[in-house]
Amino acid sequence: MTYEIKVENIKCGGCAGTINKRLNKLDAVSDCQVDVENGIVSITGDESSKKDVAQLLLKLGYPESGTAEGLEAAKAKAKSFVSCAVGKMSS
């Protein structure tokens, strides 16, 4: 089954690379695609693990849209810059 999560802070292919690399390590994910322009992560896998996928995205700095506010949103944005840089270096 495929489902989508709209996330914040995706800015480039480096961000997408980090998201792909980390999500594809999860047993419940068989594939994922990142639409950088629209901030949408499409996941193929067990939809019952959506909460775990969203938690990992938050940990990486890409919270589900509308879920992070104030200081939490600022922390997520800072994490996304690091995640983005790591993704660019890995490519």
PDB file of N, CA and C in Angstrom:
ATOM      1  N   MET A   1       0.840  -1.178   0.000  1.00  0.00           N
ATOM      2  CA  MET A   1       0.000   0.000   0.000  1.00  0.00           C
ATOM      3  C   MET A   1       0.883   1.238   0.000  1.00  0.00           C
ATOM      4  N   THR A   2       0.463   2.276  -0.692  1.00  0.00           N
ATOM      5  CA  THR A   2       1.198   3.536  -0.743  1.00  0.00           C
ATOM      6  C   THR A   2       0.392   4.623  -0.040  1.00  0.00           C
ATOM      7  N   TYR A   3       1.097   5.415   0.772  1.00  0.00           N
ATOM      8  CA  TYR A   3       0.468   6.536   1.444  1.00  0.00           C
ATOM      9  C   TYR A   3       1.420   7.724   1.399  1.00  0.00           C
ATOM     10  N   GLU A   4       0.889   8.907   1.673  1.00  0.00           N
ATOM     11  CA  GLU A   4       1.683  10.129   1.594  1.00  0.00           C
ATOM     12  C   GLU A   4       1.685  10.859   2.923  1.00  0.00           C
ATOM     13  N   ILE A   5       2.815  11.528   3.175  1.00  0.00           N
ATOM     14  CA  ILE A   5       2.926  12.414   4.326  1.00  0.00           C
ATOM     15  C   ILE A   5       3.456  13.744   3.803  1.00  0.00           C
ATOM     16  N   LYS A   6       2.702  14.812   4.032  1.00  0.00           N
ATOM     17  CA  LYS A   6       3.158  16.152   3.652  1.00  0.00           C
ATOM     18  C   LYS A   6       4.024  16.663   4.790  1.00  0.00           C
ATOM     19  N   VAL A   7       5.251  17.068   4.453  1.00  0.00           N
ATOM     20  CA  VAL A   7       6.206  17.485   5.481  1.00  0.00           C
ATOM     21  C   VAL A   7       6.737  18.887   5.212  1.00  0.00           C
ATOM     22  N   GLU A   8       7.373  19.446   6.214  1.00  0.00           N
ATOM     23  CA  GLU A   8       7.967  20.773   6.119  1.00  0.00           C
ATOM     24  C   GLU A   8       9.484  20.660   5.982  1.00  0.00           C
ATOM     25  N   ASN A   9      10.106  21.727   5.526  1.00  0.00           N
ATOM     26  CA  ASN A   9      11.560  21.909   5.497  1.00  0.00           C
ATOM     27  C   ASN A   9      12.305  21.195   4.381  1.00  0.00           C
ATOM     28  N   ILE A  10      11.633  20.536   3.450  1.00  0.00           N
ATOM     29  CA  ILE A  10      12.351  19.920   2.331  1.00  0.00           C
ATOM     30  C   ILE A  10      12.722  21.034   1.362  1.00  0.00           C
ATOM     31  N   LYS A  11      14.016  21.133   1.078  1.00  0.00           N
ATOM     32  CA  LYS A  11      14.477  22.225   0.239  1.00  0.00           C
ATOM     33  C   LYS A  11      15.185  21.781  -1.045  1.00  0.00           C
ATOM     34  N   CYS A  12      15.753  20.558  -1.037  1.00  0.00           N
ATOM     35  CA  CYS A  12      16.580  20.185  -2.188  1.00  0.00           C
ATOM     36  C   CYS A  12      16.733  18.668  -2.294  1.00  0.00           C
ATOM     37  N   GLY A  13      17.512  18.265  -3.288  1.00  0.00           N
ATOM     38  CA  GLY A  13      17.785  16.851  -3.490  1.00  0.00           C
ATOM     39  C   GLY A  13      18.562  16.226  -2.339  1.00  0.00           C
ATOM     40  N   GLY A  14      19.362  17.031  -1.627  1.00  0.00           N
ATOM     41  CA  GLY A  14      20.075  16.514  -0.454  1.00  0.00           C
ATOM     42  C   GLY A  14      19.104  16.088   0.631  1.00  0.00           C
ATOM     43  N   CYS A  15      18.083  16.909   0.840  1.00  0.00           N
ATOM     44  CA  CYS A  15      17.031  16.566   1.808  1.00  0.00           C
ATOM     45  C   CYS A  15      16.347  15.260   1.384  1.00  0.00           C
ATOM     46  N   ALA A  16      15.994  15.193   0.106  1.00  0.00           N
ATOM     47  CA  ALA A  16      15.323  14.004  -0.423  1.00  0.00           C
ATOM     48  C   ALA A  16      16.202  12.775  -0.276  1.00  0.00           C
ATOM     49  N   GLY A  17      17.501  12.933  -0.524  1.00  0.00           N
ATOM     50  CA  GLY A  17      18.427  11.810  -0.399  1.00  0.00           C
ATOM     51  C   GLY A  17      18.494  11.269   1.018  1.00  0.00           C
ATOM     52  N   THR A  18      18.545  12.170   1.995  1.00  0.00           N
ATOM     53  CA  THR A  18      18.568  11.749   3.391  1.00  0.00           C
ATOM     54  C   THR A  18      17.278  11.027   3.751  1.00  0.00           C
ATOM     55  N   ILE A  19      16.154  11.586   3.351  1.00  0.00           N
ATOM     56  CA  ILE A  19      14.859  10.972   3.658  1.00  0.00           C
ATOM     57  C   ILE A  19      14.780   9.578   3.032  1.00  0.00           C
ATOM     58  N   ASN A  20      15.121   9.468   1.761  1.00  0.00           N
ATOM     59  CA  ASN A  20      15.088   8.164   1.083  1.00  0.00           C
ATOM     60  C   ASN A  20      15.973   7.144   1.788  1.00  0.00           C
ATOM     61  N   LYS A  21      17.198   7.540   2.072  1.00  0.00           N
ATOM     62  CA  LYS A  21      18.157   6.629   2.688  1.00  0.00           C
ATOM     63  C   LYS A  21      17.661   6.122   4.039  1.00  0.00           C
ATOM     64  N   ARG A  22      17.169   7.029   4.865  1.00  0.00           N
ATOM     65  CA  ARG A  22      16.758   6.644   6.218  1.00  0.00           C
ATOM     66  C   ARG A  22      15.439   5.871   6.229  1.00  0.00           C
ATOM     67  N   LEU A  23      14.467   6.290   5.431  1.00  0.00           N
ATOM     68  CA  LEU A  23      13.180   5.582   5.427  1.00  0.00           C
ATOM     69  C   LEU A  23      13.311   4.184   4.833  1.00  0.00           C
ATOM     70  N   ASN A  24      14.144   4.038   3.822  1.00  0.00           N
ATOM     71  CA  ASN A  24      14.295   2.724   3.197  1.00  0.00           C
ATOM     72  C   ASN A  24      14.995   1.712   4.099  1.00  0.00           C
ATOM     73  N   LYS A  25      15.566   2.163   5.204  1.00  0.00           N
ATOM     74  CA  LYS A  25      16.150   1.252   6.186  1.00  0.00           C
ATOM     75  C   LYS A  25      15.086   0.622   7.090  1.00  0.00           C
ATOM     76  N   LEU A  26      13.897   1.206   7.120  1.00  0.00           N
ATOM     77  CA  LEU A  26      12.817   0.681   7.961  1.00  0.00           C
ATOM     78  C   LEU A  26      12.222  -0.576   7.340  1.00  0.00           C
ATOM     79  N   ASP A  27      11.967  -1.581   8.165  1.00  0.00           N
ATOM     80  CA  ASP A  27      11.364  -2.821   7.682  1.00  0.00           C
ATOM     81  C   ASP A  27       9.985  -2.592   7.074  1.00  0.00           C
ATOM     82  N   ALA A  28       9.248  -1.617   7.617  1.00  0.00           N
ATOM     83  CA  ALA A  28       7.879  -1.373   7.169  1.00  0.00           C
ATOM     84  C   ALA A  28       7.810  -0.559   5.870  1.00  0.00           C
ATOM     85  N   VAL A  29       8.962  -0.146   5.340  1.00  0.00           N
ATOM     86  CA  VAL A  29       8.995   0.660   4.113  1.00  0.00           C
ATOM     87  C   VAL A  29       9.697  -0.138   3.025  1.00  0.00           C
ATOM     88  N   SER A  30       8.996  -0.360   1.919  1.00  0.00           N
ATOM     89  CA  SER A  30       9.630  -1.063   0.800  1.00  0.00           C
ATOM     90  C   SER A  30      10.169  -0.078  -0.238  1.00  0.00           C
ATOM     91  N   ASP A  31       9.622   1.153  -0.257  1.00  0.00           N
ATOM     92  CA  ASP A  31      10.112   2.185  -1.159  1.00  0.00           C
ATOM     93  C   ASP A  31       9.560   3.526  -0.715  1.00  0.00           C
ATOM     94  N   CYS A  32      10.263   4.583  -1.058  1.00  0.00           N
ATOM     95  CA  CYS A  32       9.721   5.918  -0.829  1.00  0.00           C
ATOM     96  C   CYS A  32      10.217   6.858  -1.910  1.00  0.00           C
ATOM     97  N   GLN A  33       9.411   7.847  -2.205  1.00  0.00           N
ATOM     98  CA  GLN A  33       9.714   8.874  -3.188  1.00  0.00           C
ATOM     99  C   GLN A  33       9.471  10.226  -2.521  1.00  0.00           C
ATOM    100  N   VAL A  34      10.311  11.209  -2.839  1.00  0.00           N
ATOM    101  CA  VAL A  34      10.175  12.534  -2.242  1.00  0.00           C
ATOM    102  C   VAL A  34       9.917  13.558  -3.338  1.00  0.00           C
ATOM    103  N   ASP A  35       8.819  14.268  -3.210  1.00  0.00           N
ATOM    104  CA  ASP A  35       8.477  15.369  -4.106  1.00  0.00           C
ATOM    105  C   ASP A  35       8.956  16.645  -3.419  1.00  0.00           C
ATOM    106  N   VAL A  36      10.157  17.088  -3.777  1.00  0.00           N
ATOM    107  CA  VAL A  36      10.784  18.236  -3.117  1.00  0.00           C
ATOM    108  C   VAL A  36       9.932  19.487  -3.271  1.00  0.00           C
ATOM    109  N   GLU A  37       9.453  19.734  -4.473  1.00  0.00           N
ATOM    110  CA  GLU A  37       8.697  20.952  -4.764  1.00  0.00           C
ATOM    111  C   GLU A  37       7.435  21.084  -3.911  1.00  0.00           C
ATOM    112  N   ASN A  38       6.738  19.968  -3.683  1.00  0.00           N
ATOM    113  CA  ASN A  38       5.479  20.013  -2.939  1.00  0.00           C
ATOM    114  C   ASN A  38       5.602  19.540  -1.499  1.00  0.00           C
ATOM    115  N   GLY A  39       6.788  19.089  -1.097  1.00  0.00           N
ATOM    116  CA  GLY A  39       6.992  18.647   0.283  1.00  0.00           C
ATOM    117  C   GLY A  39       6.210  17.401   0.635  1.00  0.00           C
ATOM    118  N   ILE A  40       6.129  16.465  -0.299  1.00  0.00           N
ATOM    119  CA  ILE A  40       5.356  15.247  -0.073  1.00  0.00           C
ATOM    120  C   ILE A  40       6.267  14.030  -0.143  1.00  0.00           C
ATOM    121  N   VAL A  41       6.159  13.184   0.877  1.00  0.00           N
ATOM    122  CA  VAL A  41       6.896  11.922   0.897  1.00  0.00           C
ATOM    123  C   VAL A  41       5.874  10.821   0.649  1.00  0.00           C
ATOM    124  N   SER A  42       6.064  10.054  -0.426  1.00  0.00           N
ATOM    125  CA  SER A  42       5.188   8.924  -0.759  1.00  0.00           C
ATOM    126  C   SER A  42       5.887   7.651  -0.314  1.00  0.00           C
ATOM    127  N   ILE A  43       5.210   6.892   0.529  1.00  0.00           N
ATOM    128  CA  ILE A  43       5.794   5.691   1.107  1.00  0.00           C
ATOM    129  C   ILE A  43       5.021   4.470   0.647  1.00  0.00           C
ATOM    130  N   THR A  44       5.738   3.461   0.175  1.00  0.00           N
ATOM    131  CA  THR A  44       5.142   2.176  -0.146  1.00  0.00           C
ATOM    132  C   THR A  44       5.544   1.234   0.978  1.00  0.00           C
ATOM    133  N   GLY A  45       4.545   0.682   1.628  1.00  0.00           N
ATOM    134  CA  GLY A  45       4.813  -0.219   2.742  1.00  0.00           C
ATOM    135  C   GLY A  45       3.606  -0.339   3.642  1.00  0.00           C
ATOM    136  N   ASP A  46       3.861  -0.771   4.849  1.00  0.00           N
ATOM    137  CA  ASP A  46       2.818  -1.023   5.837  1.00  0.00           C
ATOM    138  C   ASP A  46       2.306   0.295   6.414  1.00  0.00           C
ATOM    139  N   GLU A  47       1.083   0.662   6.058  1.00  0.00           N
ATOM    140  CA  GLU A  47       0.519   1.940   6.504  1.00  0.00           C
ATOM    141  C   GLU A  47       0.314   1.991   8.018  1.00  0.00           C
ATOM    142  N   SER A  48       0.257   0.842   8.668  1.00  0.00           N
ATOM    143  CA  SER A  48       0.112   0.843  10.123  1.00  0.00           C
ATOM    144  C   SER A  48       1.372   1.387  10.804  1.00  0.00           C
ATOM    145  N   SER A  49       2.456   1.521  10.059  1.00  0.00           N
ATOM    146  CA  SER A  49       3.703   2.083  10.591  1.00  0.00           C
ATOM    147  C   SER A  49       3.845   3.572  10.285  1.00  0.00           C
ATOM    148  N   LYS A  50       2.764   4.191   9.810  1.00  0.00           N
ATOM    149  CA  LYS A  50       2.816   5.607   9.436  1.00  0.00           C
ATOM    150  C   LYS A  50       3.288   6.480  10.598  1.00  0.00           C
ATOM    151  N   LYS A  51       2.855   6.177  11.798  1.00  0.00           N
ATOM    152  CA  LYS A  51       3.264   6.965  12.965  1.00  0.00           C
ATOM    153  C   LYS A  51       4.779   6.872  13.169  1.00  0.00           C
ATOM    154  N   ASP A  52       5.350   5.676  13.007  1.00  0.00           N
ATOM    155  CA  ASP A  52       6.797   5.497  13.154  1.00  0.00           C
ATOM    156  C   ASP A  52       7.553   6.254  12.057  1.00  0.00           C
ATOM    157  N   VAL A  53       7.020   6.232  10.860  1.00  0.00           N
ATOM    158  CA  VAL A  53       7.637   6.946   9.739  1.00  0.00           C
ATOM    159  C   VAL A  53       7.610   8.451  10.023  1.00  0.00           C
ATOM    160  N   ALA A  54       6.464   8.956  10.488  1.00  0.00           N
ATOM    161  CA  ALA A  54       6.335  10.383  10.809  1.00  0.00           C
ATOM    162  C   ALA A  54       7.301  10.772  11.927  1.00  0.00           C
ATOM    163  N   GLN A  55       7.494   9.896  12.915  1.00  0.00           N
ATOM    164  CA  GLN A  55       8.430  10.165  14.014  1.00  0.00           C
ATOM    165  C   GLN A  55       9.860  10.260  13.491  1.00  0.00           C
ATOM    166  N   LEU A  56      10.243   9.361  12.586  1.00  0.00           N
ATOM    167  CA  LEU A  56      11.584   9.406  12.015  1.00  0.00           C
ATOM    168  C   LEU A  56      11.767  10.679  11.195  1.00  0.00           C
ATOM    169  N   LEU A  57      10.768  11.043  10.419  1.00  0.00           N
ATOM    170  CA  LEU A  57      10.849  12.281   9.646  1.00  0.00           C
ATOM    171  C   LEU A  57      11.042  13.479  10.574  1.00  0.00           C
ATOM    172  N   LEU A  58      10.322  13.521  11.691  1.00  0.00           N
ATOM    173  CA  LEU A  58      10.469  14.595  12.670  1.00  0.00           C
ATOM    174  C   LEU A  58      11.887  14.601  13.228  1.00  0.00           C
ATOM    175  N   LYS A  59      12.394  13.431  13.564  1.00  0.00           N
ATOM    176  CA  LYS A  59      13.753  13.309  14.096  1.00  0.00           C
ATOM    177  C   LYS A  59      14.788  13.834  13.100  1.00  0.00           C
ATOM    178  N   LEU A  60      14.530  13.636  11.815  1.00  0.00           N
ATOM    179  CA  LEU A  60      15.432  14.109  10.765  1.00  0.00           C
ATOM    180  C   LEU A  60      15.283  15.610  10.492  1.00  0.00           C
ATOM    181  N   GLY A  61      14.198  16.214  11.017  1.00  0.00           N
ATOM    182  CA  GLY A  61      13.962  17.636  10.802  1.00  0.00           C
ATOM    183  C   GLY A  61      12.894  17.959   9.780  1.00  0.00           C
ATOM    184  N   TYR A  62      12.114  16.939   9.423  1.00  0.00           N
ATOM    185  CA  TYR A  62      11.058  17.106   8.429  1.00  0.00           C
ATOM    186  C   TYR A  62       9.711  16.699   9.041  1.00  0.00           C
ATOM    187  N   PRO A  63       9.165  17.556   9.929  1.00  0.00           N
ATOM    188  CA  PRO A  63       7.909  17.194  10.589  1.00  0.00           C
ATOM    189  C   PRO A  63       6.727  17.197   9.639  1.00  0.00           C
ATOM    190  N   GLU A  64       5.754  16.373   9.960  1.00  0.00           N
ATOM    191  CA  GLU A  64       4.513  16.375   9.192  1.00  0.00           C
ATOM    192  C   GLU A  64       3.914  17.776   9.280  1.00  0.00           C
ATOM    193  N   SER A  65       3.445  18.302   8.169  1.00  0.00           N
ATOM    194  CA  SER A  65       2.903  19.663   8.125  1.00  0.00           C
ATOM    195  C   SER A  65       1.847  19.869   9.203  1.00  0.00           C
ATOM    196  N   GLY A  66       1.995  20.976   9.911  1.00  0.00           N
ATOM    197  CA  GLY A  66       1.026  21.342  10.936  1.00  0.00           C
ATOM    198  C   GLY A  66       1.239  20.700  12.292  1.00  0.00           C
ATOM    199  N   THR A  67       2.300  19.915  12.464  1.00  0.00           N
ATOM    200  CA  THR A  67       2.491  19.235  13.747  1.00  0.00           C
ATOM    201  C   THR A  67       3.543  19.880  14.639  1.00  0.00           C
ATOM    202  N   ALA A  68       4.404  20.704  14.079  1.00  0.00           N
ATOM    203  CA  ALA A  68       5.470  21.328  14.871  1.00  0.00           C
ATOM    204  C   ALA A  68       5.254  22.839  14.920  1.00  0.00           C
ATOM    205  N   GLU A  69       5.307  23.378  16.133  1.00  0.00           N
ATOM    206  CA  GLU A  69       5.116  24.813  16.309  1.00  0.00           C
ATOM    207  C   GLU A  69       6.168  25.367  17.253  1.00  0.00           C
ATOM    208  N   GLY A  70       6.399  26.647  17.174  1.00  0.00           N
ATOM    209  CA  GLY A  70       7.284  27.339  18.095  1.00  0.00           C
ATOM    210  C   GLY A  70       8.688  26.766  18.126  1.00  0.00           C
ATOM    211  N   LEU A  71       9.171  26.477  19.334  1.00  0.00           N
ATOM    212  CA  LEU A  71      10.534  25.987  19.517  1.00  0.00           C
ATOM    213  C   LEU A  71      10.740  24.649  18.819  1.00  0.00           C
ATOM    214  N   GLU A  72       9.730  23.795  18.853  1.00  0.00           N
ATOM    215  CA  GLU A  72       9.839  22.497  18.181  1.00  0.00           C
ATOM    216  C   GLU A  72      10.030  22.679  16.676  1.00  0.00           C
ATOM    217  N   ALA A  73       9.341  23.633  16.084  1.00  0.00           N
ATOM    218  CA  ALA A  73       9.490  23.909  14.654  1.00  0.00           C
ATOM    219  C   ALA A  73      10.889  24.451  14.355  1.00  0.00           C
ATOM    220  N   ALA A  74      11.400  25.299  15.243  1.00  0.00           N
ATOM    221  CA  ALA A  74      12.752  25.850  15.053  1.00  0.00           C
ATOM    222  C   ALA A  74      13.803  24.748  15.140  1.00  0.00           C
ATOM    223  N   LYS A  75      13.630  23.825  16.094  1.00  0.00           N
ATOM    224  CA  LYS A  75      14.559  22.695  16.221  1.00  0.00           C
ATOM    225  C   LYS A  75      14.517  21.828  14.963  1.00  0.00           C
ATOM    226  N   ALA A  76      13.316  21.574  14.470  1.00  0.00           N
ATOM    227  CA  ALA A  76      13.161  20.750  13.265  1.00  0.00           C
ATOM    228  C   ALA A  76      13.840  21.413  12.078  1.00  0.00           C
ATOM    229  N   LYS A  77      13.702  22.717  11.967  1.00  0.00           N
ATOM    230  CA  LYS A  77      14.320  23.430  10.856  1.00  0.00           C
ATOM    231  C   LYS A  77      15.844  23.323  10.935  1.00  0.00           C
ATOM    232  N   ALA A  78      16.398  23.463  12.139  1.00  0.00           N
ATOM    233  CA  ALA A  78      17.847  23.340  12.314  1.00  0.00           C
ATOM    234  C   ALA A  78      18.317  21.929  11.958  1.00  0.00           C
ATOM    235  N   LYS A  79      17.570  20.923  12.398  1.00  0.00           N
ATOM    236  CA  LYS A  79      17.924  19.534  12.076  1.00  0.00           C
ATOM    237  C   LYS A  79      17.867  19.298  10.569  1.00  0.00           C
ATOM    238  N   SER A  80      16.904  19.923   9.907  1.00  0.00           N
ATOM    239  CA  SER A  80      16.767  19.711   8.469  1.00  0.00           C
ATOM    240  C   SER A  80      17.968  20.268   7.711  1.00  0.00           C
ATOM    241  N   PHE A  81      18.566  21.363   8.213  1.00  0.00           N
ATOM    242  CA  PHE A  81      19.762  21.900   7.560  1.00  0.00           C
ATOM    243  C   PHE A  81      20.908  20.903   7.630  1.00  0.00           C
ATOM    244  N   VAL A  82      21.075  20.267   8.788  1.00  0.00           N
ATOM    245  CA  VAL A  82      22.124  19.258   8.950  1.00  0.00           C
ATOM    246  C   VAL A  82      21.822  18.059   8.067  1.00  0.00           C
ATOM    247  N   SER A  83      20.576  17.611   8.095  1.00  0.00           N
ATOM    248  CA  SER A  83      20.150  16.471   7.296  1.00  0.00           C
ATOM    249  C   SER A  83      20.360  16.747   5.810  1.00  0.00           C
ATOM    250  N   CYS A  84      20.060  17.957   5.393  1.00  0.00           N
ATOM    251  CA  CYS A  84      20.235  18.382   4.003  1.00  0.00           C
ATOM    252  C   CYS A  84      21.720  18.295   3.616  1.00  0.00           C
ATOM    253  N   ALA A  85      22.576  18.813   4.474  1.00  0.00           N
ATOM    254  CA  ALA A  85      24.014  18.820   4.192  1.00  0.00           C
ATOM    255  C   ALA A  85      24.557  17.390   4.098  1.00  0.00           C
ATOM    256  N   VAL A  86      24.102  16.526   5.000  1.00  0.00           N
ATOM    257  CA  VAL A  86      24.532  15.123   4.971  1.00  0.00           C
ATOM    258  C   VAL A  86      24.076  14.478   3.676  1.00  0.00           C
ATOM    259  N   GLY A  87      22.856  14.753   3.266  1.00  0.00           N
ATOM    260  CA  GLY A  87      22.321  14.201   2.021  1.00  0.00           C
ATOM    261  C   GLY A  87      23.118  14.659   0.816  1.00  0.00           C
ATOM    262  N   LYS A  88      23.544  15.914   0.813  1.00  0.00           N
ATOM    263  CA  LYS A  88      24.332  16.445  -0.307  1.00  0.00           C
ATOM    264  C   LYS A  88      25.702  15.791  -0.356  1.00  0.00           C
ATOM    265  N   MET A  89      26.314  15.542   0.821  1.00  0.00           N
ATOM    266  CA  MET A  89      27.637  14.921   0.857  1.00  0.00           C
ATOM    267  C   MET A  89      27.582  13.463   0.445  1.00  0.00           C
ATOM    268  N   SER A  90      26.449  12.807   0.695  1.00  0.00           N
ATOM    269  CA  SER A  90      26.289  11.380   0.370  1.00  0.00           C
ATOM    270  C   SER A  90      26.038  11.156  -1.105  1.00  0.00           C
ATOM    271  N   SER A  91      25.570  12.192  -1.807  1.00  0.00           N
ATOM    272  CA  SER A  91      25.207  12.022  -3.216  1.00  0.00           C
ATOM    273  C   SER A  91      26.408  11.978  -4.117  1.00  0.00           C
TER     274      SER A  91
END
